[in-house]
Amino acid sequence: MWSKKDKNNPYSMTGEESFTFLGKGSQFKGIVTFEGTIRIDGRLEGEIHTKGTLVVGEHAVIEGDISADVVISGGRVTGNIVAKEKVQLLSTGVVLGTIKTPLLTVEEGVRFMGNCEAEGRGEVRTLEGARETIQQPQQGTARARGA
């Protein structure tokens, strides 16, 4: 599959872990639960739960909540993100919702509207009232620059 030559490349992986791919043009509605790495380039409406890494491709559209160890997103996410280890937002990314993670990386060009709780390396608790948070009107818009 892919080699692990570059540790900073979010798209590299070893052949030892499971990998799931939802390709461009595909659509899925429901709850996705898995272990390992998943890459989504299509459209997903529902929830995603993983004990692994979620990669949201540049053309992906996710409408729903995400719970993962690591989230790397260059697509559009409308919903709340809870990551146990880190969230990395790539320059093409759009997030409308709440992010809760110990470590947040934001590249220049990301569009983010919502709330963020980056606690450092402390314990991440689940979001309480996750759906109510996104449906309430937001008070302001934050634009992040740099990483």
C-alpha atoms as a PDB file:
ATOM      1  CA  MET A   1       0.000   0.000   0.000  1.00  0.00           C
ATOM      2  CA  TRP A   2       1.748   3.215   1.124  1.00  0.00           C
ATOM      3  CA  SER A   3       5.111   3.386   2.788  1.00  0.00           C
ATOM      4  CA  LYS A   4       5.884   5.238   5.982  1.00  0.00           C
ATOM      5  CA  LYS A   5       8.835   7.196   4.595  1.00  0.00           C
ATOM      6  CA  ASP A   6       7.554  10.567   5.794  1.00  0.00           C
ATOM      7  CA  LYS A   7       6.182  10.656   9.350  1.00  0.00           C
ATOM      8  CA  ASN A   8       4.691  14.134   8.766  1.00  0.00           C
ATOM      9  CA  ASN A   9       2.653  13.010   5.740  1.00  0.00           C
ATOM     10  CA  PRO A  10      -0.958  12.392   6.896  1.00  0.00           C
ATOM     11  CA  TYR A  11      -1.609  10.172   3.882  1.00  0.00           C
ATOM     12  CA  SER A  12       1.197   7.672   4.531  1.00  0.00           C
ATOM     13  CA  MET A  13       0.577   4.367   6.284  1.00  0.00           C
ATOM     14  CA  THR A  14       2.113   0.956   6.827  1.00  0.00           C
ATOM     15  CA  GLY A  15       0.645  -2.322   5.597  1.00  0.00           C
ATOM     16  CA  GLU A  16       0.067  -3.462   9.198  1.00  0.00           C
ATOM     17  CA  GLU A  17      -3.055  -1.408   9.935  1.00  0.00           C
ATOM     18  CA  SER A  18      -6.585  -1.750   8.553  1.00  0.00           C
ATOM     19  CA  PHE A  19      -7.659   0.842   5.990  1.00  0.00           C
ATOM     20  CA  THR A  20     -11.147   1.815   4.803  1.00  0.00           C
ATOM     21  CA  PHE A  21     -11.830   4.126   1.864  1.00  0.00           C
ATOM     22  CA  LEU A  22     -15.063   5.912   0.921  1.00  0.00           C
ATOM     23  CA  GLY A  23     -14.272   7.280  -2.547  1.00  0.00           C
ATOM     24  CA  LYS A  24     -15.199  10.500  -4.324  1.00  0.00           C
ATOM     25  CA  GLY A  25     -18.782  10.434  -5.584  1.00  0.00           C
ATOM     26  CA  SER A  26     -19.906   7.900  -2.968  1.00  0.00           C
ATOM     27  CA  GLN A  27     -22.650   8.680  -0.446  1.00  0.00           C
ATOM     28  CA  PHE A  28     -23.379   7.104   2.921  1.00  0.00           C
ATOM     29  CA  LYS A  29     -26.046   7.746   5.566  1.00  0.00           C
ATOM     30  CA  GLY A  30     -25.824   6.248   9.022  1.00  0.00           C
ATOM     31  CA  ILE A  31     -23.348   5.493  11.777  1.00  0.00           C
ATOM     32  CA  VAL A  32     -19.840   4.314  10.897  1.00  0.00           C
ATOM     33  CA  THR A  33     -17.865   2.519  13.617  1.00  0.00           C
ATOM     34  CA  PHE A  34     -14.430   0.998  12.974  1.00  0.00           C
ATOM     35  CA  GLU A  35     -10.836   0.572  14.092  1.00  0.00           C
ATOM     36  CA  GLY A  36      -7.862   1.640  12.007  1.00  0.00           C
ATOM     37  CA  THR A  37      -7.594   4.331   9.361  1.00  0.00           C
ATOM     38  CA  ILE A  38     -10.441   5.567   7.191  1.00  0.00           C
ATOM     39  CA  ARG A  39     -10.269   8.076   4.350  1.00  0.00           C
ATOM     40  CA  ILE A  40     -13.466   9.734   3.163  1.00  0.00           C
ATOM     41  CA  ASP A  41     -13.590  11.561  -0.160  1.00  0.00           C
ATOM     42  CA  GLY A  42     -17.346  11.280  -0.664  1.00  0.00           C
ATOM     43  CA  ARG A  43     -20.397  12.458   1.264  1.00  0.00           C
ATOM     44  CA  LEU A  44     -21.362  11.082   4.683  1.00  0.00           C
ATOM     45  CA  GLU A  45     -24.421  12.006   6.748  1.00  0.00           C
ATOM     46  CA  GLY A  46     -24.468  10.563  10.245  1.00  0.00           C
ATOM     47  CA  GLU A  47     -21.793   9.778  12.795  1.00  0.00           C
ATOM     48  CA  ILE A  48     -18.238   8.487  12.618  1.00  0.00           C
ATOM     49  CA  HIS A  49     -16.625   6.640  15.536  1.00  0.00           C
ATOM     50  CA  THR A  50     -13.108   5.223  15.272  1.00  0.00           C
ATOM     51  CA  LYS A  51     -10.225   4.034  17.383  1.00  0.00           C
ATOM     52  CA  GLY A  52      -7.796   5.247  14.775  1.00  0.00           C
ATOM     53  CA  THR A  53      -7.302   7.987  12.212  1.00  0.00           C
ATOM     54  CA  LEU A  54      -9.953   9.676  10.097  1.00  0.00           C
ATOM     55  CA  VAL A  55      -8.721  11.443   6.951  1.00  0.00           C
ATOM     56  CA  VAL A  56     -11.293  13.758   5.367  1.00  0.00           C
ATOM     57  CA  GLY A  57     -10.300  14.451   1.758  1.00  0.00           C
ATOM     58  CA  GLU A  58     -10.447  17.837   0.064  1.00  0.00           C
ATOM     59  CA  HIS A  59     -13.736  17.076  -1.747  1.00  0.00           C
ATOM     60  CA  ALA A  60     -15.424  15.278   1.168  1.00  0.00           C
ATOM     61  CA  VAL A  61     -18.581  16.545   2.865  1.00  0.00           C
ATOM     62  CA  ILE A  62     -19.433  15.225   6.321  1.00  0.00           C
ATOM     63  CA  GLU A  63     -22.648  16.225   8.056  1.00  0.00           C
ATOM     64  CA  GLY A  64     -22.563  14.774  11.542  1.00  0.00           C
ATOM     65  CA  ASP A  65     -20.418  14.241  14.590  1.00  0.00           C
ATOM     66  CA  ILE A  66     -16.947  12.695  14.585  1.00  0.00           C
ATOM     67  CA  SER A  67     -15.242  10.815  17.410  1.00  0.00           C
ATOM     68  CA  ALA A  68     -11.713   9.550  16.652  1.00  0.00           C
ATOM     69  CA  ASP A  69      -8.192   9.318  17.967  1.00  0.00           C
ATOM     70  CA  VAL A  70      -6.808  11.536  15.174  1.00  0.00           C
ATOM     71  CA  VAL A  71      -8.732  13.671  12.636  1.00  0.00           C
ATOM     72  CA  ILE A  72      -6.985  15.112   9.568  1.00  0.00           C
ATOM     73  CA  SER A  73      -9.381  17.202   7.493  1.00  0.00           C
ATOM     74  CA  GLY A  74      -9.107  19.056   4.219  1.00  0.00           C
ATOM     75  CA  GLY A  75     -12.835  18.771   3.457  1.00  0.00           C
ATOM     76  CA  ARG A  76     -16.075  20.201   4.824  1.00  0.00           C
ATOM     77  CA  VAL A  77     -17.312  19.044   8.238  1.00  0.00           C
ATOM     78  CA  THR A  78     -20.630  20.292   9.611  1.00  0.00           C
ATOM     79  CA  GLY A  79     -20.797  18.821  13.087  1.00  0.00           C
ATOM     80  CA  ASN A  80     -18.759  18.343  16.203  1.00  0.00           C
ATOM     81  CA  ILE A  81     -15.296  16.779  16.310  1.00  0.00           C
ATOM     82  CA  VAL A  82     -13.912  15.029  19.397  1.00  0.00           C
ATOM     83  CA  ALA A  83     -10.370  13.674  18.999  1.00  0.00           C
ATOM     84  CA  LYS A  84      -8.444  11.888  21.756  1.00  0.00           C
ATOM     85  CA  GLU A  85      -5.010  12.749  20.307  1.00  0.00           C
ATOM     86  CA  LYS A  86      -5.168  15.580  17.756  1.00  0.00           C
ATOM     87  CA  VAL A  87      -7.052  17.418  15.027  1.00  0.00           C
ATOM     88  CA  GLN A  88      -5.181  18.703  11.985  1.00  0.00           C
ATOM     89  CA  LEU A  89      -7.064  21.090   9.687  1.00  0.00           C
ATOM     90  CA  LEU A  90      -5.526  21.368   6.227  1.00  0.00           C
ATOM     91  CA  SER A  91      -5.667  24.598   4.195  1.00  0.00           C
ATOM     92  CA  THR A  92      -8.732  23.493   2.173  1.00  0.00           C
ATOM     93  CA  GLY A  93     -10.693  22.539   5.311  1.00  0.00           C
ATOM     94  CA  VAL A  94     -14.009  23.975   6.491  1.00  0.00           C
ATOM     95  CA  VAL A  95     -15.417  23.192   9.942  1.00  0.00           C
ATOM     96  CA  LEU A  96     -18.797  24.372  11.224  1.00  0.00           C
ATOM     97  CA  GLY A  97     -19.119  23.085  14.767  1.00  0.00           C
ATOM     98  CA  THR A  98     -17.262  22.405  17.982  1.00  0.00           C
ATOM     99  CA  ILE A  99     -13.768  20.918  18.125  1.00  0.00           C
ATOM    100  CA  LYS A 100     -12.555  19.238  21.308  1.00  0.00           C
ATOM    101  CA  THR A 101      -9.007  17.857  21.297  1.00  0.00           C
ATOM    102  CA  PRO A 102      -5.746  17.981  23.233  1.00  0.00           C
ATOM    103  CA  LEU A 103      -3.768  19.203  20.198  1.00  0.00           C
ATOM    104  CA  LEU A 104      -5.019  21.360  17.299  1.00  0.00           C
ATOM    105  CA  THR A 105      -3.052  22.204  14.154  1.00  0.00           C
ATOM    106  CA  VAL A 106      -4.548  24.736  11.724  1.00  0.00           C
ATOM    107  CA  GLU A 107      -3.011  25.593   8.345  1.00  0.00           C
ATOM    108  CA  GLU A 108      -3.432  28.975   6.704  1.00  0.00           C
ATOM    109  CA  GLY A 109      -6.660  29.153   4.686  1.00  0.00           C
ATOM    110  CA  VAL A 110      -8.856  27.018   6.951  1.00  0.00           C
ATOM    111  CA  ARG A 111     -12.404  28.287   7.502  1.00  0.00           C
ATOM    112  CA  PHE A 112     -13.736  27.583  11.007  1.00  0.00           C
ATOM    113  CA  MET A 113     -16.953  28.732  12.640  1.00  0.00           C
ATOM    114  CA  GLY A 114     -17.782  27.419  16.064  1.00  0.00           C
ATOM    115  CA  ASN A 115     -16.064  26.687  19.341  1.00  0.00           C
ATOM    116  CA  CYS A 116     -12.754  25.033  20.065  1.00  0.00           C
ATOM    117  CA  GLU A 117     -11.453  23.464  23.229  1.00  0.00           C
ATOM    118  CA  ALA A 118      -7.799  22.434  22.828  1.00  0.00           C
ATOM    119  CA  GLU A 119      -6.780  21.237  26.276  1.00  0.00           C
ATOM    120  CA  GLY A 120      -3.159  20.451  25.621  1.00  0.00           C
ATOM    121  CA  ARG A 121      -2.243  16.857  26.378  1.00  0.00           C
ATOM    122  CA  GLY A 122      -4.888  16.520  29.123  1.00  0.00           C
ATOM    123  CA  GLU A 123      -7.787  14.094  29.116  1.00  0.00           C
ATOM    124  CA  VAL A 124     -10.536  14.847  26.573  1.00  0.00           C
ATOM    125  CA  ARG A 125     -14.071  14.433  27.792  1.00  0.00           C
ATOM    126  CA  THR A 126     -16.965  13.741  25.444  1.00  0.00           C
ATOM    127  CA  LEU A 127     -19.056  16.684  24.310  1.00  0.00           C
ATOM    128  CA  GLU A 128     -22.193  17.142  26.312  1.00  0.00           C
ATOM    129  CA  GLY A 129     -25.182  18.237  24.280  1.00  0.00           C
ATOM    130  CA  ALA A 130     -23.211  17.955  21.037  1.00  0.00           C
ATOM    131  CA  ARG A 131     -26.152  18.560  18.709  1.00  0.00           C
ATOM    132  CA  GLU A 132     -27.502  21.545  20.710  1.00  0.00           C
ATOM    133  CA  THR A 133     -24.148  23.327  20.445  1.00  0.00           C
ATOM    134  CA  ILE A 134     -24.057  23.348  16.645  1.00  0.00           C
ATOM    135  CA  GLN A 135     -27.699  24.387  16.275  1.00  0.00           C
ATOM    136  CA  GLN A 136     -27.379  27.476  18.452  1.00  0.00           C
ATOM    137  CA  PRO A 137     -26.486  30.710  16.631  1.00  0.00           C
ATOM    138  CA  GLN A 138     -22.794  31.472  16.781  1.00  0.00           C
ATOM    139  CA  GLN A 139     -21.576  34.792  18.164  1.00  0.00           C
ATOM    140  CA  GLY A 140     -18.571  35.246  15.911  1.00  0.00           C
ATOM    141  CA  THR A 141     -16.327  33.798  13.270  1.00  0.00           C
ATOM    142  CA  ALA A 142     -12.686  32.934  13.825  1.00  0.00           C
ATOM    143  CA  ARG A 143     -10.148  32.791  11.048  1.00  0.00           C
ATOM    144  CA  ALA A 144      -6.893  31.089  11.855  1.00  0.00           C
ATOM    145  CA  ARG A 145      -3.597  31.722  10.136  1.00  0.00           C
ATOM    146  CA  GLY A 146      -0.470  29.677  10.271  1.00  0.00           C
ATOM    147  CA  ALA A 147       0.176  26.433  12.063  1.00  0.00           C
END
